[in-house]
PDB file of N, CA and C in Angstrom:
ATOM      1  N   UNK A   1      69.379  29.497 -83.582  1.00  0.00           N
ATOM      2  CA  UNK A   1      70.415  29.479 -84.597  1.00  0.00           C
ATOM      3  C   UNK A   1      70.916  28.069 -84.833  1.00  0.00           C
ATOM      4  N   UNK A   2      71.019  27.264 -83.788  1.00  0.00           N
ATOM      5  CA  UNK A   2      71.465  25.884 -83.978  1.00  0.00           C
ATOM      6  C   UNK A   2      70.464  25.113 -84.820  1.00  0.00           C
ATOM      7  N   UNK A   3      69.205  25.442 -84.694  1.00  0.00           N
ATOM      8  CA  UNK A   3      68.166  24.811 -85.498  1.00  0.00           C
ATOM      9  C   UNK A   3      68.333  25.197 -86.970  1.00  0.00           C
ATOM     10  N   UNK A   4      68.701  26.425 -87.237  1.00  0.00           N
ATOM     11  CA  UNK A   4      68.858  26.917 -88.608  1.00  0.00           C
ATOM     12  C   UNK A   4      70.003  26.233 -89.348  1.00  0.00           C
ATOM     13  N   UNK A   5      70.983  25.725 -88.626  1.00  0.00           N
ATOM     14  CA  UNK A   5      72.127  25.053 -89.253  1.00  0.00           C
ATOM     15  C   UNK A   5      71.662  23.960 -90.205  1.00  0.00           C
ATOM     16  N   UNK A   6      70.575  23.300 -89.864  1.00  0.00           N
ATOM     17  CA  UNK A   6      70.081  22.177 -90.660  1.00  0.00           C
ATOM     18  C   UNK A   6      69.391  22.598 -91.949  1.00  0.00           C
ATOM     19  N   UNK A   7      69.074  23.858 -92.082  1.00  0.00           N
ATOM     20  CA  UNK A   7      68.296  24.313 -93.222  1.00  0.00           C
ATOM     21  C   UNK A   7      69.066  25.174 -94.222  1.00  0.00           C
ATOM     22  N   UNK A   8      70.275  25.585 -93.847  1.00  0.00           N
ATOM     23  CA  UNK A   8      71.028  26.498 -94.695  1.00  0.00           C
ATOM     24  C   UNK A   8      72.458  25.993 -94.872  1.00  0.00           C
ATOM     25  N   UNK A   9      73.030  26.204 -96.057  1.00  0.00           N
ATOM     26  CA  UNK A   9      74.430  25.831 -96.253  1.00  0.00           C
ATOM     27  C   UNK A   9      75.338  26.730 -95.405  1.00  0.00           C
ATOM     28  N   UNK A  10      76.520  26.240 -95.109  1.00  0.00           N
ATOM     29  CA  UNK A  10      77.458  26.948 -94.229  1.00  0.00           C
ATOM     30  C   UNK A  10      77.723  28.381 -94.684  1.00  0.00           C
ATOM     31  N   UNK A  11      77.808  28.585 -95.991  1.00  0.00           N
ATOM     32  CA  UNK A  11      78.111  29.938 -96.474  1.00  0.00           C
ATOM     33  C   UNK A  11      76.971  30.931 -96.229  1.00  0.00           C
ATOM     34  N   UNK A  12      75.774  30.447 -95.947  1.00  0.00           N
ATOM     35  CA  UNK A  12      74.648  31.338 -95.665  1.00  0.00           C
ATOM     36  C   UNK A  12      74.440  31.580 -94.174  1.00  0.00           C
ATOM     37  N   UNK A  13      75.189  30.903 -93.323  1.00  0.00           N
ATOM     38  CA  UNK A  13      74.990  31.048 -91.882  1.00  0.00           C
ATOM     39  C   UNK A  13      75.297  32.446 -91.355  1.00  0.00           C
ATOM     40  N   UNK A  14      76.322  33.157 -91.882  1.00  0.00           N
ATOM     41  CA  UNK A  14      76.501  34.546 -91.419  1.00  0.00           C
ATOM     42  C   UNK A  14      75.275  35.422 -91.711  1.00  0.00           C
ATOM     43  N   UNK A  15      74.676  35.222 -92.866  1.00  0.00           N
ATOM     44  CA  UNK A  15      73.459  35.967 -93.213  1.00  0.00           C
ATOM     45  C   UNK A  15      72.305  35.573 -92.280  1.00  0.00           C
ATOM     46  N   UNK A  16      72.233  34.301 -91.939  1.00  0.00           N
ATOM     47  CA  UNK A  16      71.208  33.833 -91.005  1.00  0.00           C
ATOM     48  C   UNK A  16      71.429  34.406 -89.607  1.00  0.00           C
ATOM     49  N   UNK A  17      72.697  34.534 -89.224  1.00  0.00           N
ATOM     50  CA  UNK A  17      72.989  35.139 -87.917  1.00  0.00           C
ATOM     51  C   UNK A  17      72.482  36.576 -87.896  1.00  0.00           C
ATOM     52  N   UNK A  18      72.712  37.313 -88.974  1.00  0.00           N
ATOM     53  CA  UNK A  18      72.230  38.699 -89.037  1.00  0.00           C
ATOM     54  C   UNK A  18      70.705  38.747 -88.983  1.00  0.00           C
ATOM     55  N   UNK A  19      70.040  37.829 -89.656  1.00  0.00           N
ATOM     56  CA  UNK A  19      68.573  37.772 -89.596  1.00  0.00           C
ATOM     57  C   UNK A  19      68.119  37.466 -88.172  1.00  0.00           C
ATOM     58  N   UNK A  20      68.806  36.554 -87.513  1.00  0.00           N
ATOM     59  CA  UNK A  20      68.493  36.231 -86.120  1.00  0.00           C
ATOM     60  C   UNK A  20      68.673  37.461 -85.235  1.00  0.00           C
ATOM     61  N   UNK A  21      69.763  38.171 -85.444  1.00  0.00           N
ATOM     62  CA  UNK A  21      70.020  39.368 -84.630  1.00  0.00           C
ATOM     63  C   UNK A  21      68.920  40.403 -84.813  1.00  0.00           C
ATOM     64  N   UNK A  22      68.434  40.554 -86.041  1.00  0.00           N
ATOM     65  CA  UNK A  22      67.332  41.488 -86.276  1.00  0.00           C
ATOM     66  C   UNK A  22      66.072  41.016 -85.573  1.00  0.00           C
ATOM     67  N   UNK A  23      65.814  39.706 -85.625  1.00  0.00           N
ATOM     68  CA  UNK A  23      64.647  39.142 -84.936  1.00  0.00           C
ATOM     69  C   UNK A  23      64.756  39.337 -83.439  1.00  0.00           C
ATOM     70  N   UNK A  24      65.945  39.063 -82.879  1.00  0.00           N
ATOM     71  CA  UNK A  24      66.088  39.103 -81.449  1.00  0.00           C
ATOM     72  C   UNK A  24      66.179  40.523 -80.898  1.00  0.00           C
ATOM     73  N   UNK A  25      66.330  41.526 -81.762  1.00  0.00           N
ATOM     74  CA  UNK A  25      66.325  42.905 -81.277  1.00  0.00           C
ATOM     75  C   UNK A  25      64.994  43.242 -80.610  1.00  0.00           C
ATOM     76  N   UNK A  26      63.956  42.515 -80.939  1.00  0.00           N
ATOM     77  CA  UNK A  26      62.659  42.724 -80.309  1.00  0.00           C
ATOM     78  C   UNK A  26      62.617  42.154 -78.892  1.00  0.00           C
ATOM     79  N   UNK A  27      63.608  41.314 -78.556  1.00  0.00           N
ATOM     80  CA  UNK A  27      63.680  40.758 -77.209  1.00  0.00           C
ATOM     81  C   UNK A  27      64.349  41.768 -76.287  1.00  0.00           C
ATOM     82  N   UNK A  28      64.016  41.671 -75.024  1.00  0.00           N
ATOM     83  CA  UNK A  28      64.580  42.576 -74.033  1.00  0.00           C
ATOM     84  C   UNK A  28      65.849  41.955 -73.445  1.00  0.00           C
ATOM     85  N   UNK A  29      66.880  41.812 -74.284  1.00  0.00           N
ATOM     86  CA  UNK A  29      68.133  41.195 -73.876  1.00  0.00           C
ATOM     87  C   UNK A  29      69.155  42.250 -73.508  1.00  0.00           C
ATOM     88  N   UNK A  30      69.949  41.932 -72.518  1.00  0.00           N
ATOM     89  CA  UNK A  30      71.108  42.754 -72.182  1.00  0.00           C
ATOM     90  C   UNK A  30      72.217  42.442 -73.194  1.00  0.00           C
ATOM     91  N   UNK A  31      73.168  43.328 -73.310  1.00  0.00           N
ATOM     92  CA  UNK A  31      74.292  43.095 -74.219  1.00  0.00           C
ATOM     93  C   UNK A  31      75.059  41.832 -73.845  1.00  0.00           C
ATOM     94  N   UNK A  32      75.165  41.560 -72.553  1.00  0.00           N
ATOM     95  CA  UNK A  32      75.880  40.357 -72.113  1.00  0.00           C
ATOM     96  C   UNK A  32      75.163  39.096 -72.568  1.00  0.00           C
ATOM     97  N   UNK A  33      73.840  39.123 -72.619  1.00  0.00           N
ATOM     98  CA  UNK A  33      73.074  37.970 -73.092  1.00  0.00           C
ATOM     99  C   UNK A  33      73.290  37.769 -74.595  1.00  0.00           C
ATOM    100  N   UNK A  34      73.294  38.836 -75.344  1.00  0.00           N
ATOM    101  CA  UNK A  34      73.552  38.748 -76.784  1.00  0.00           C
ATOM    102  C   UNK A  34      74.940  38.164 -77.046  1.00  0.00           C
ATOM    103  N   UNK A  35      75.911  38.654 -76.309  1.00  0.00           N
ATOM    104  CA  UNK A  35      77.286  38.173 -76.459  1.00  0.00           C
ATOM    105  C   UNK A  35      77.379  36.699 -76.085  1.00  0.00           C
ATOM    106  N   UNK A  36      76.718  36.313 -75.008  1.00  0.00           N
ATOM    107  CA  UNK A  36      76.735  34.917 -74.567  1.00  0.00           C
ATOM    108  C   UNK A  36      76.160  33.996 -75.642  1.00  0.00           C
ATOM    109  N   UNK A  37      75.024  34.382 -76.196  1.00  0.00           N
ATOM    110  CA  UNK A  37      74.377  33.573 -77.235  1.00  0.00           C
ATOM    111  C   UNK A  37      75.270  33.473 -78.466  1.00  0.00           C
ATOM    112  N   UNK A  38      75.834  34.579 -78.891  1.00  0.00           N
ATOM    113  CA  UNK A  38      76.686  34.558 -80.072  1.00  0.00           C
ATOM    114  C   UNK A  38      77.941  33.718 -79.831  1.00  0.00           C
ATOM    115  N   UNK A  39      78.574  33.896 -78.686  1.00  0.00           N
ATOM    116  CA  UNK A  39      79.779  33.123 -78.375  1.00  0.00           C
ATOM    117  C   UNK A  39      79.483  31.628 -78.321  1.00  0.00           C
ATOM    118  N   UNK A  40      78.372  31.266 -77.705  1.00  0.00           N
ATOM    119  CA  UNK A  40      78.013  29.845 -77.588  1.00  0.00           C
ATOM    120  C   UNK A  40      77.693  29.266 -78.965  1.00  0.00           C
ATOM    121  N   UNK A  41      76.945  29.992 -79.771  1.00  0.00           N
ATOM    122  CA  UNK A  41      76.615  29.548 -81.125  1.00  0.00           C
ATOM    123  C   UNK A  41      77.886  29.323 -81.940  1.00  0.00           C
ATOM    124  N   UNK A  42      78.793  30.282 -81.921  1.00  0.00           N
ATOM    125  CA  UNK A  42      80.018  30.171 -82.701  1.00  0.00           C
ATOM    126  C   UNK A  42      80.893  29.020 -82.207  1.00  0.00           C
ATOM    127  N   UNK A  43      80.939  28.813 -80.897  1.00  0.00           N
ATOM    128  CA  UNK A  43      81.724  27.708 -80.341  1.00  0.00           C
ATOM    129  C   UNK A  43      81.149  26.358 -80.759  1.00  0.00           C
ATOM    130  N   UNK A  44      79.834  26.245 -80.736  1.00  0.00           N
ATOM    131  CA  UNK A  44      79.185  24.993 -81.136  1.00  0.00           C
ATOM    132  C   UNK A  44      79.371  24.758 -82.629  1.00  0.00           C
ATOM    133  N   UNK A  45      79.228  25.799 -83.410  1.00  0.00           N
ATOM    134  CA  UNK A  45      79.424  25.689 -84.857  1.00  0.00           C
ATOM    135  C   UNK A  45      80.852  25.228 -85.173  1.00  0.00           C
ATOM    136  N   UNK A  46      81.819  25.746 -84.442  1.00  0.00           N
ATOM    137  CA  UNK A  46      83.219  25.361 -84.664  1.00  0.00           C
ATOM    138  C   UNK A  46      83.473  23.894 -84.313  1.00  0.00           C
ATOM    139  N   UNK A  47      82.697  23.362 -83.387  1.00  0.00           N
ATOM    140  CA  UNK A  47      82.871  21.976 -82.933  1.00  0.00           C
ATOM    141  C   UNK A  47      81.788  21.041 -83.486  1.00  0.00           C
ATOM    142  N   UNK A  48      81.005  21.510 -84.449  1.00  0.00           N
ATOM    143  CA  UNK A  48      79.847  20.751 -84.920  1.00  0.00           C
ATOM    144  C   UNK A  48      80.197  19.330 -85.352  1.00  0.00           C
ATOM    145  N   UNK A  49      81.223  19.149 -86.152  1.00  0.00           N
ATOM    146  CA  UNK A  49      81.532  17.802 -86.637  1.00  0.00           C
ATOM    147  C   UNK A  49      81.945  16.895 -85.483  1.00  0.00           C
ATOM    148  N   UNK A  50      82.696  17.419 -84.535  1.00  0.00           N
ATOM    149  CA  UNK A  50      83.097  16.634 -83.366  1.00  0.00           C
ATOM    150  C   UNK A  50      81.876  16.294 -82.502  1.00  0.00           C
ATOM    151  N   UNK A  51      80.991  17.253 -82.314  1.00  0.00           N
ATOM    152  CA  UNK A  51      79.777  17.011 -81.527  1.00  0.00           C
ATOM    153  C   UNK A  51      78.881  15.985 -82.214  1.00  0.00           C
ATOM    154  N   UNK A  52      78.747  16.111 -83.528  1.00  0.00           N
ATOM    155  CA  UNK A  52      77.935  15.155 -84.280  1.00  0.00           C
ATOM    156  C   UNK A  52      78.497  13.744 -84.156  1.00  0.00           C
ATOM    157  N   UNK A  53      79.805  13.631 -84.207  1.00  0.00           N
ATOM    158  CA  UNK A  53      80.444  12.323 -84.049  1.00  0.00           C
ATOM    159  C   UNK A  53      80.176  11.757 -82.656  1.00  0.00           C
ATOM    160  N   UNK A  54      80.256  12.607 -81.641  1.00  0.00           N
ATOM    161  CA  UNK A  54      79.982  12.193 -80.265  1.00  0.00           C
ATOM    162  C   UNK A  54      78.531  11.733 -80.107  1.00  0.00           C
ATOM    163  N   UNK A  55      77.613  12.485 -80.682  1.00  0.00           N
ATOM    164  CA  UNK A  55      76.193  12.132 -80.626  1.00  0.00           C
ATOM    165  C   UNK A  55      75.957  10.821 -81.364  1.00  0.00           C
ATOM    166  N   UNK A  56      76.517  10.711 -82.565  1.00  0.00           N
ATOM    167  CA  UNK A  56      76.341   9.516 -83.381  1.00  0.00           C
ATOM    168  C   UNK A  56      76.874   8.270 -82.671  1.00  0.00           C
ATOM    169  N   UNK A  57      78.007   8.416 -82.025  1.00  0.00           N
ATOM    170  CA  UNK A  57      78.636   7.305 -81.315  1.00  0.00           C
ATOM    171  C   UNK A  57      77.776   6.819 -80.135  1.00  0.00           C
ATOM    172  N   UNK A  58      76.936   7.689 -79.599  1.00  0.00           N
ATOM    173  CA  UNK A  58      76.138   7.351 -78.419  1.00  0.00           C
ATOM    174  C   UNK A  58      74.671   7.090 -78.723  1.00  0.00           C
ATOM    175  N   UNK A  59      74.347   6.904 -79.980  1.00  0.00           N
ATOM    176  CA  UNK A  59      72.985   6.541 -80.371  1.00  0.00           C
ATOM    177  C   UNK A  59      73.013   5.137 -80.973  1.00  0.00           C
ATOM    178  N   UNK A  60      72.403   4.217 -80.280  1.00  0.00           N
ATOM    179  CA  UNK A  60      72.358   2.840 -80.774  1.00  0.00           C
ATOM    180  C   UNK A  60      71.262   2.695 -81.816  1.00  0.00           C
ATOM    181  N   UNK A  61      71.639   2.232 -82.983  1.00  0.00           N
ATOM    182  CA  UNK A  61      70.660   1.978 -84.025  1.00  0.00           C
ATOM    183  C   UNK A  61      70.114   3.225 -84.697  1.00  0.00           C
ATOM    184  N   UNK A  62      70.704   4.370 -84.419  1.00  0.00           N
ATOM    185  CA  UNK A  62      70.251   5.626 -85.023  1.00  0.00           C
ATOM    186  C   UNK A  62      71.412   6.261 -85.773  1.00  0.00           C
ATOM    187  N   UNK A  63      71.176   6.630 -86.986  1.00  0.00           N
ATOM    188  CA  UNK A  63      72.125   7.438 -87.733  1.00  0.00           C
ATOM    189  C   UNK A  63      71.778   8.887 -87.424  1.00  0.00           C
ATOM    190  N   UNK A  64      72.767   9.736 -87.317  1.00  0.00           N
ATOM    191  CA  UNK A  64      72.504  11.132 -86.960  1.00  0.00           C
ATOM    192  C   UNK A  64      71.548  11.805 -87.943  1.00  0.00           C
ATOM    193  N   UNK A  65      71.528  11.340 -89.182  1.00  0.00           N
ATOM    194  CA  UNK A  65      70.618  11.887 -90.178  1.00  0.00           C
ATOM    195  C   UNK A  65      69.153  11.580 -89.910  1.00  0.00           C
ATOM    196  N   UNK A  66      68.897  10.586 -89.064  1.00  0.00           N
ATOM    197  CA  UNK A  66      67.518  10.221 -88.719  1.00  0.00           C
ATOM    198  C   UNK A  66      66.981  10.979 -87.506  1.00  0.00           C
ATOM    199  N   UNK A  67      67.869  11.661 -86.793  1.00  0.00           N
ATOM    200  CA  UNK A  67      67.450  12.410 -85.605  1.00  0.00           C
ATOM    201  C   UNK A  67      66.714  13.665 -86.055  1.00  0.00           C
ATOM    202  N   UNK A  68      65.597  13.947 -85.415  1.00  0.00           N
ATOM    203  CA  UNK A  68      64.832  15.148 -85.744  1.00  0.00           C
ATOM    204  C   UNK A  68      65.664  16.410 -85.584  1.00  0.00           C
ATOM    205  N   UNK A  69      65.355  17.417 -86.345  1.00  0.00           N
ATOM    206  CA  UNK A  69      66.140  18.644 -86.353  1.00  0.00           C
ATOM    207  C   UNK A  69      66.107  19.369 -85.010  1.00  0.00           C
ATOM    208  N   UNK A  70      64.966  19.379 -84.357  1.00  0.00           N
ATOM    209  CA  UNK A  70      64.876  19.991 -83.023  1.00  0.00           C
ATOM    210  C   UNK A  70      65.748  19.225 -82.047  1.00  0.00           C
ATOM    211  N   UNK A  71      65.609  17.907 -82.058  1.00  0.00           N
ATOM    212  CA  UNK A  71      66.363  17.079 -81.129  1.00  0.00           C
ATOM    213  C   UNK A  71      67.872  17.207 -81.381  1.00  0.00           C
ATOM    214  N   UNK A  72      68.256  17.290 -82.644  1.00  0.00           N
ATOM    215  CA  UNK A  72      69.664  17.417 -82.979  1.00  0.00           C
ATOM    216  C   UNK A  72      70.228  18.747 -82.492  1.00  0.00           C
ATOM    217  N   UNK A  73      69.486  19.823 -82.656  1.00  0.00           N
ATOM    218  CA  UNK A  73      69.938  21.131 -82.168  1.00  0.00           C
ATOM    219  C   UNK A  73      70.104  21.101 -80.647  1.00  0.00           C
ATOM    220  N   UNK A  74      69.151  20.508 -79.966  1.00  0.00           N
ATOM    221  CA  UNK A  74      69.213  20.402 -78.506  1.00  0.00           C
ATOM    222  C   UNK A  74      70.392  19.525 -78.083  1.00  0.00           C
ATOM    223  N   UNK A  75      70.587  18.409 -78.769  1.00  0.00           N
ATOM    224  CA  UNK A  75      71.700  17.519 -78.447  1.00  0.00           C
ATOM    225  C   UNK A  75      73.048  18.192 -78.675  1.00  0.00           C
ATOM    226  N   UNK A  76      73.182  18.946 -79.740  1.00  0.00           N
ATOM    227  CA  UNK A  76      74.445  19.646 -79.994  1.00  0.00           C
ATOM    228  C   UNK A  76      74.749  20.643 -78.880  1.00  0.00           C
ATOM    229  N   UNK A  77      73.746  21.391 -78.487  1.00  0.00           N
ATOM    230  CA  UNK A  77      73.927  22.367 -77.417  1.00  0.00           C
ATOM    231  C   UNK A  77      74.341  21.674 -76.120  1.00  0.00           C
ATOM    232  N   UNK A  78      73.606  20.669 -75.726  1.00  0.00           N
ATOM    233  CA  UNK A  78      73.885  19.990 -74.457  1.00  0.00           C
ATOM    234  C   UNK A  78      75.197  19.212 -74.509  1.00  0.00           C
ATOM    235  N   UNK A  79      75.491  18.584 -75.633  1.00  0.00           N
ATOM    236  CA  UNK A  79      76.754  17.851 -75.756  1.00  0.00           C
ATOM    237  C   UNK A  79      77.928  18.824 -75.631  1.00  0.00           C
ATOM    238  N   UNK A  80      77.794  19.988 -76.220  1.00  0.00           N
ATOM    239  CA  UNK A  80      78.838  21.009 -76.080  1.00  0.00           C
ATOM    240  C   UNK A  80      78.996  21.388 -74.609  1.00  0.00           C
ATOM    241  N   UNK A  81      77.884  21.627 -73.940  1.00  0.00           N
ATOM    242  CA  UNK A  81      77.952  22.020 -72.532  1.00  0.00           C
ATOM    243  C   UNK A  81      78.556  20.915 -71.669  1.00  0.00           C
ATOM    244  N   UNK A  82      78.214  19.674 -71.949  1.00  0.00           N
ATOM    245  CA  UNK A  82      78.778  18.555 -71.187  1.00  0.00           C
ATOM    246  C   UNK A  82      80.285  18.438 -71.401  1.00  0.00           C
ATOM    247  N   UNK A  83      80.719  18.617 -72.616  1.00  0.00           N
ATOM    248  CA  UNK A  83      82.117  18.376 -72.952  1.00  0.00           C
ATOM    249  C   UNK A  83      83.021  19.590 -72.747  1.00  0.00           C
ATOM    250  N   UNK A  84      82.513  20.790 -73.013  1.00  0.00           N
ATOM    251  CA  UNK A  84      83.387  21.962 -73.052  1.00  0.00           C
ATOM    252  C   UNK A  84      83.046  23.095 -72.089  1.00  0.00           C
ATOM    253  N   UNK A  85      81.863  23.138 -71.556  1.00  0.00           N
ATOM    254  CA  UNK A  85      81.452  24.290 -70.747  1.00  0.00           C
ATOM    255  C   UNK A  85      81.457  23.920 -69.262  1.00  0.00           C
ATOM    256  N   UNK A  86      82.539  24.263 -68.588  1.00  0.00           N
ATOM    257  CA  UNK A  86      82.680  23.928 -67.173  1.00  0.00           C
ATOM    258  C   UNK A  86      81.800  24.794 -66.272  1.00  0.00           C
ATOM    259  N   UNK A  87      81.248  25.882 -66.806  1.00  0.00           N
ATOM    260  CA  UNK A  87      80.393  26.762 -66.009  1.00  0.00           C
ATOM    261  C   UNK A  87      78.997  26.185 -65.800  1.00  0.00           C
ATOM    262  N   UNK A  88      78.626  25.211 -66.599  1.00  0.00           N
ATOM    263  CA  UNK A  88      77.286  24.626 -66.507  1.00  0.00           C
ATOM    264  C   UNK A  88      77.417  23.199 -65.979  1.00  0.00           C
ATOM    265  N   UNK A  89      76.824  22.926 -64.811  1.00  0.00           N
ATOM    266  CA  UNK A  89      76.876  21.559 -64.281  1.00  0.00           C
ATOM    267  C   UNK A  89      76.195  20.576 -65.233  1.00  0.00           C
ATOM    268  N   UNK A  90      76.729  19.370 -65.310  1.00  0.00           N
ATOM    269  CA  UNK A  90      76.189  18.361 -66.227  1.00  0.00           C
ATOM    270  C   UNK A  90      74.692  18.143 -66.025  1.00  0.00           C
ATOM    271  N   UNK A  91      74.271  18.040 -64.777  1.00  0.00           N
ATOM    272  CA  UNK A  91      72.852  17.807 -64.501  1.00  0.00           C
ATOM    273  C   UNK A  91      71.964  18.921 -65.028  1.00  0.00           C
ATOM    274  N   UNK A  92      72.427  20.137 -64.916  1.00  0.00           N
ATOM    275  CA  UNK A  92      71.665  21.292 -65.423  1.00  0.00           C
ATOM    276  C   UNK A  92      71.592  21.241 -66.944  1.00  0.00           C
ATOM    277  N   UNK A  93      72.717  20.946 -67.586  1.00  0.00           N
ATOM    278  CA  UNK A  93      72.740  20.867 -69.052  1.00  0.00           C
ATOM    279  C   UNK A  93      71.754  19.809 -69.544  1.00  0.00           C
ATOM    280  N   UNK A  94      71.751  18.657 -68.889  1.00  0.00           N
ATOM    281  CA  UNK A  94      70.855  17.575 -69.302  1.00  0.00           C
ATOM    282  C   UNK A  94      69.402  17.939 -69.027  1.00  0.00           C
ATOM    283  N   UNK A  95      69.121  18.452 -67.831  1.00  0.00           N
ATOM    284  CA  UNK A  95      67.736  18.819 -67.488  1.00  0.00           C
ATOM    285  C   UNK A  95      67.167  19.868 -68.436  1.00  0.00           C
ATOM    286  N   UNK A  96      67.965  20.889 -68.741  1.00  0.00           N
ATOM    287  CA  UNK A  96      67.501  21.941 -69.648  1.00  0.00           C
ATOM    288  C   UNK A  96      67.276  21.398 -71.056  1.00  0.00           C
ATOM    289  N   UNK A  97      68.164  20.524 -71.495  1.00  0.00           N
ATOM    290  CA  UNK A  97      68.013  19.926 -72.826  1.00  0.00           C
ATOM    291  C   UNK A  97      66.744  19.083 -72.907  1.00  0.00           C
ATOM    292  N   UNK A  98      66.473  18.317 -71.865  1.00  0.00           N
ATOM    293  CA  UNK A  98      65.268  17.483 -71.835  1.00  0.00           C
ATOM    294  C   UNK A  98      64.023  18.375 -71.887  1.00  0.00           C
ATOM    295  N   UNK A  99      64.041  19.458 -71.152  1.00  0.00           N
ATOM    296  CA  UNK A  99      62.887  20.366 -71.161  1.00  0.00           C
ATOM    297  C   UNK A  99      62.691  21.016 -72.530  1.00  0.00           C
ATOM    298  N   UNK A 100      63.786  21.422 -73.169  1.00  0.00           N
ATOM    299  CA  UNK A 100      63.679  21.980 -74.532  1.00  0.00           C
ATOM    300  C   UNK A 100      63.123  20.948 -75.507  1.00  0.00           C
ATOM    301  N   UNK A 101      63.611  19.721 -75.385  1.00  0.00           N
ATOM    302  CA  UNK A 101      63.140  18.655 -76.279  1.00  0.00           C
ATOM    303  C   UNK A 101      61.658  18.375 -76.060  1.00  0.00           C
ATOM    304  N   UNK A 102      61.226  18.352 -74.816  1.00  0.00           N
ATOM    305  CA  UNK A 102      59.806  18.127 -74.517  1.00  0.00           C
ATOM    306  C   UNK A 102      58.944  19.251 -75.092  1.00  0.00           C
ATOM    307  N   UNK A 103      59.442  20.477 -74.960  1.00  0.00           N
ATOM    308  CA  UNK A 103      58.656  21.628 -75.378  1.00  0.00           C
ATOM    309  C   UNK A 103      58.578  21.778 -76.898  1.00  0.00           C
ATOM    310  N   UNK A 104      59.698  21.551 -77.579  1.00  0.00           N
ATOM    311  CA  UNK A 104      59.745  21.837 -79.010  1.00  0.00           C
ATOM    312  C   UNK A 104      59.843  20.603 -79.901  1.00  0.00           C
ATOM    313  N   UNK A 105      60.147  19.462 -79.321  1.00  0.00           N
ATOM    314  CA  UNK A 105      60.342  18.259 -80.108  1.00  0.00           C
ATOM    315  C   UNK A 105      59.096  17.405 -80.202  1.00  0.00           C
ATOM    316  N   UNK A 106      59.312  16.176 -80.603  1.00  0.00           N
ATOM    317  CA  UNK A 106      58.224  15.213 -80.745  1.00  0.00           C
ATOM    318  C   UNK A 106      57.802  14.669 -79.381  1.00  0.00           C
ATOM    319  N   UNK A 107      56.817  13.802 -79.399  1.00  0.00           N
ATOM    320  CA  UNK A 107      56.223  13.289 -78.158  1.00  0.00           C
ATOM    321  C   UNK A 107      57.240  12.648 -77.217  1.00  0.00           C
ATOM    322  N   UNK A 108      58.131  11.820 -77.724  1.00  0.00           N
ATOM    323  CA  UNK A 108      59.099  11.114 -76.875  1.00  0.00           C
ATOM    324  C   UNK A 108      60.490  11.744 -76.903  1.00  0.00           C
ATOM    325  N   UNK A 109      60.586  12.966 -77.345  1.00  0.00           N
ATOM    326  CA  UNK A 109      61.890  13.610 -77.496  1.00  0.00           C
ATOM    327  C   UNK A 109      62.639  13.763 -76.180  1.00  0.00           C
ATOM    328  N   UNK A 110      61.931  14.054 -75.133  1.00  0.00           N
ATOM    329  CA  UNK A 110      62.581  14.248 -73.840  1.00  0.00           C
ATOM    330  C   UNK A 110      63.339  13.020 -73.384  1.00  0.00           C
ATOM    331  N   UNK A 111      62.708  11.873 -73.471  1.00  0.00           N
ATOM    332  CA  UNK A 111      63.379  10.645 -73.037  1.00  0.00           C
ATOM    333  C   UNK A 111      64.493  10.257 -74.006  1.00  0.00           C
ATOM    334  N   UNK A 112      64.307  10.504 -75.287  1.00  0.00           N
ATOM    335  CA  UNK A 112      65.337  10.220 -76.282  1.00  0.00           C
ATOM    336  C   UNK A 112      66.589  11.053 -76.005  1.00  0.00           C
ATOM    337  N   UNK A 113      66.415  12.340 -75.819  1.00  0.00           N
ATOM    338  CA  UNK A 113      67.524  13.250 -75.536  1.00  0.00           C
ATOM    339  C   UNK A 113      68.187  12.878 -74.215  1.00  0.00           C
ATOM    340  N   UNK A 114      67.392  12.576 -73.210  1.00  0.00           N
ATOM    341  CA  UNK A 114      67.937  12.195 -71.907  1.00  0.00           C
ATOM    342  C   UNK A 114      68.823  10.949 -72.013  1.00  0.00           C
ATOM    343  N   UNK A 115      68.375   9.955 -72.755  1.00  0.00           N
ATOM    344  CA  UNK A 115      69.140   8.709 -72.893  1.00  0.00           C
ATOM    345  C   UNK A 115      70.487   8.961 -73.565  1.00  0.00           C
ATOM    346  N   UNK A 116      70.490   9.736 -74.622  1.00  0.00           N
ATOM    347  CA  UNK A 116      71.739  10.006 -75.339  1.00  0.00           C
ATOM    348  C   UNK A 116      72.693  10.837 -74.480  1.00  0.00           C
ATOM    349  N   UNK A 117      72.177  11.859 -73.842  1.00  0.00           N
ATOM    350  CA  UNK A 117      73.037  12.713 -73.027  1.00  0.00           C
ATOM    351  C   UNK A 117      73.578  11.973 -71.805  1.00  0.00           C
ATOM    352  N   UNK A 118      72.813  11.071 -71.249  1.00  0.00           N
ATOM    353  CA  UNK A 118      73.290  10.264 -70.128  1.00  0.00           C
ATOM    354  C   UNK A 118      74.476   9.403 -70.555  1.00  0.00           C
ATOM    355  N   UNK A 119      74.403   8.844 -71.761  1.00  0.00           N
ATOM    356  CA  UNK A 119      75.517   8.056 -72.291  1.00  0.00           C
ATOM    357  C   UNK A 119      76.746   8.930 -72.507  1.00  0.00           C
ATOM    358  N   UNK A 120      76.534  10.127 -73.045  1.00  0.00           N
ATOM    359  CA  UNK A 120      77.651  11.044 -73.291  1.00  0.00           C
ATOM    360  C   UNK A 120      78.290  11.446 -71.963  1.00  0.00           C
ATOM    361  N   UNK A 121      77.464  11.709 -70.988  1.00  0.00           N
ATOM    362  CA  UNK A 121      77.976  12.117 -69.671  1.00  0.00           C
ATOM    363  C   UNK A 121      78.834  11.009 -69.046  1.00  0.00           C
ATOM    364  N   UNK A 122      78.407   9.779 -69.188  1.00  0.00           N
ATOM    365  CA  UNK A 122      79.140   8.663 -68.603  1.00  0.00           C
ATOM    366  C   UNK A 122      80.426   8.345 -69.353  1.00  0.00           C
ATOM    367  N   UNK A 123      80.466   8.700 -70.626  1.00  0.00           N
ATOM    368  CA  UNK A 123      81.638   8.334 -71.464  1.00  0.00           C
ATOM    369  C   UNK A 123      82.867   9.099 -71.094  1.00  0.00           C
TER     370      UNK A 123
END
């Protein structure tokens, strides 16, 4: 869902959430997992401009508009976890983000995401 934010205007995001829910019904998720995903998505969406500013401030020579869409979705998730989610240790948030970036992003995405998140963590 965080990836979809980049492709749809804000007014279409509720419709996209419903499409996601229909897609994810094929997954073997518990109700608590569905609730967790929805709550996290909504929390990140509510803080998107603040998270984007935080990411932008910690990227030297990069405008947030130049960051790949996969990397940006991963950075938003991890930046939220670093700043607002006390249940997730910083190291875990960064490690998981790096793995997501490696798996779904470009060739050097893992190191790019790691560098930015390390700066955010130290700030």
